[in-house]
Protein backbone atom coordinates (compact mmCIF):
# COMPACT_ATOMS: atom_id res chain seq x y z
CA PHE A 1 50.53 251.77 135.24
CA SER A 2 51.26 251.89 138.65
CA GLU A 3 53.87 249.64 140.42
CA GLU A 4 51.13 247.96 142.42
CA ILE A 5 48.98 247.03 139.22
CA GLN A 6 52.08 245.79 137.43
CA TRP A 7 53.30 243.45 140.17
CA LYS A 8 49.71 242.28 140.87
CA SER A 9 49.30 241.66 137.17
CA CYS A 10 52.57 239.74 136.92
CA LYS A 11 51.54 237.66 140.00
CA TRP A 12 48.26 236.72 138.33
CA ILE A 13 49.87 235.54 135.30
CA SER A 14 52.68 233.68 137.21
CA ASN A 15 49.88 231.78 139.06
CA LEU A 16 48.26 230.53 135.89
CA GLU A 17 50.75 227.64 135.93
CA PRO A 18 51.81 225.40 138.79
CA THR A 19 55.43 225.38 139.77
CA ASN A 20 55.63 221.84 139.71
CA LYS A 21 56.18 220.92 135.90
CA SER A 22 54.42 217.41 136.46
CA GLU A 23 51.13 219.12 137.12
CA ILE A 24 51.07 221.04 133.90
CA SER A 25 48.08 220.27 131.52
CA THR A 26 47.08 221.27 128.09
CA ARG A 27 44.95 224.07 129.58
CA HIS A 28 48.33 225.67 130.90
CA TYR A 29 49.64 225.54 127.27
CA ASP A 30 46.40 227.18 126.17
CA GLN A 31 46.71 229.91 128.63
CA ARG A 32 50.54 230.62 127.88
CA GLN A 33 49.42 231.06 124.45
CA GLU A 34 46.74 233.33 125.17
CA VAL A 35 48.92 235.44 127.25
CA PHE A 36 51.31 235.89 124.24
CA GLU A 37 48.51 236.41 121.83
CA LEU A 38 47.11 239.31 123.99
CA GLY A 39 50.51 241.06 124.39
CA GLY A 40 51.39 239.79 127.77
CA CYS A 41 54.98 239.15 127.10
CA ALA A 42 55.52 242.83 125.90
CA ARG A 43 53.69 243.95 129.04
CA ILE A 44 55.66 241.99 131.35
CA LEU A 45 58.79 243.32 130.00
CA ARG A 46 57.53 246.97 130.00
CA ALA A 47 56.74 246.39 133.68
CA MET A 48 60.20 245.38 134.31
CA GLU A 49 61.54 248.27 132.55
CA ALA A 50 59.31 250.78 134.16
CA HIS A 51 59.83 249.57 137.68
CA THR A 52 63.49 248.38 137.84
CA SER A 53 63.62 249.22 141.52
CA SER A 54 60.64 247.39 142.50
CA GLN A 55 61.37 244.08 144.08
CA LEU A 56 57.66 243.02 143.75
CA VAL A 57 57.50 243.75 140.02
CA GLN A 58 60.97 242.02 139.30
CA THR A 59 60.11 239.20 141.32
CA TYR A 60 56.83 238.34 139.58
CA ALA A 61 57.84 239.35 136.26
CA CYS A 62 60.76 236.86 136.35
CA GLN A 63 58.39 234.21 137.53
CA CYS A 64 56.16 234.96 134.63
CA ILE A 65 59.05 234.59 132.36
CA MET A 66 59.91 231.27 133.84
CA HIS A 67 56.57 229.92 133.33
CA LEU A 68 56.30 231.30 129.74
CA ALA A 69 59.69 230.21 128.74
CA ARG A 70 58.98 226.39 129.47
CA ASP A 71 57.83 226.23 125.78
CA SER A 72 60.97 226.77 123.52
CA ALA A 73 58.96 228.86 120.98
CA TYR A 74 57.94 231.18 123.60
CA ARG A 75 61.29 231.18 125.10
CA ARG A 76 62.93 232.45 121.79
CA LYS A 77 60.25 235.09 121.46
CA LEU A 78 61.00 236.41 125.00
CA MET A 79 64.83 236.33 124.39
CA ARG A 80 64.25 238.16 121.11
CA ALA A 81 62.17 240.79 122.98
CA GLY A 82 64.76 241.57 125.39
CA ALA A 83 63.92 239.24 128.47
CA GLY A 84 67.32 237.98 128.98
CA SER A 85 68.83 241.40 129.52
CA LEU A 86 65.99 242.50 131.84
CA ILE A 87 66.54 239.46 133.92
CA LEU A 88 70.25 239.95 134.29
CA ARG A 89 69.56 243.59 135.24
CA ALA A 90 66.97 242.51 137.75
CA ILE A 91 69.37 239.95 139.08
CA ASP A 92 72.06 242.81 139.46
CA ASN A 93 69.74 245.32 141.04
CA HIS A 94 68.20 243.04 143.63
CA LYS A 95 71.12 240.89 144.88
CA GLY A 96 69.38 240.32 148.27
CA ASN A 97 66.16 239.08 147.02
CA CYS A 98 66.45 235.36 146.70
CA MET A 99 63.09 235.20 144.48
CA VAL A 100 64.86 237.24 141.82
CA GLN A 101 68.00 235.40 141.97
């Protein structure tokens, strides 16, 4: 998929949850589970791999991972799928982008 489709998709997923943890409800846990069940995790990571130079893709993909990783089971799945190395690569490639950092 194009860079634009990828960053907009990641942005949409990252906006499913509030930034403030105190605002998270049961609905957010259900949405997180649905993202995983529909293969969203793999798609987010593929977007990061396909668009390493895109600050928008990397920014919104990292935000997705941050939100999805709030649950320890999903955090383990993300790490096993390679999210850690992709995040480190994004940080290294986009040193000037405070949203990736």
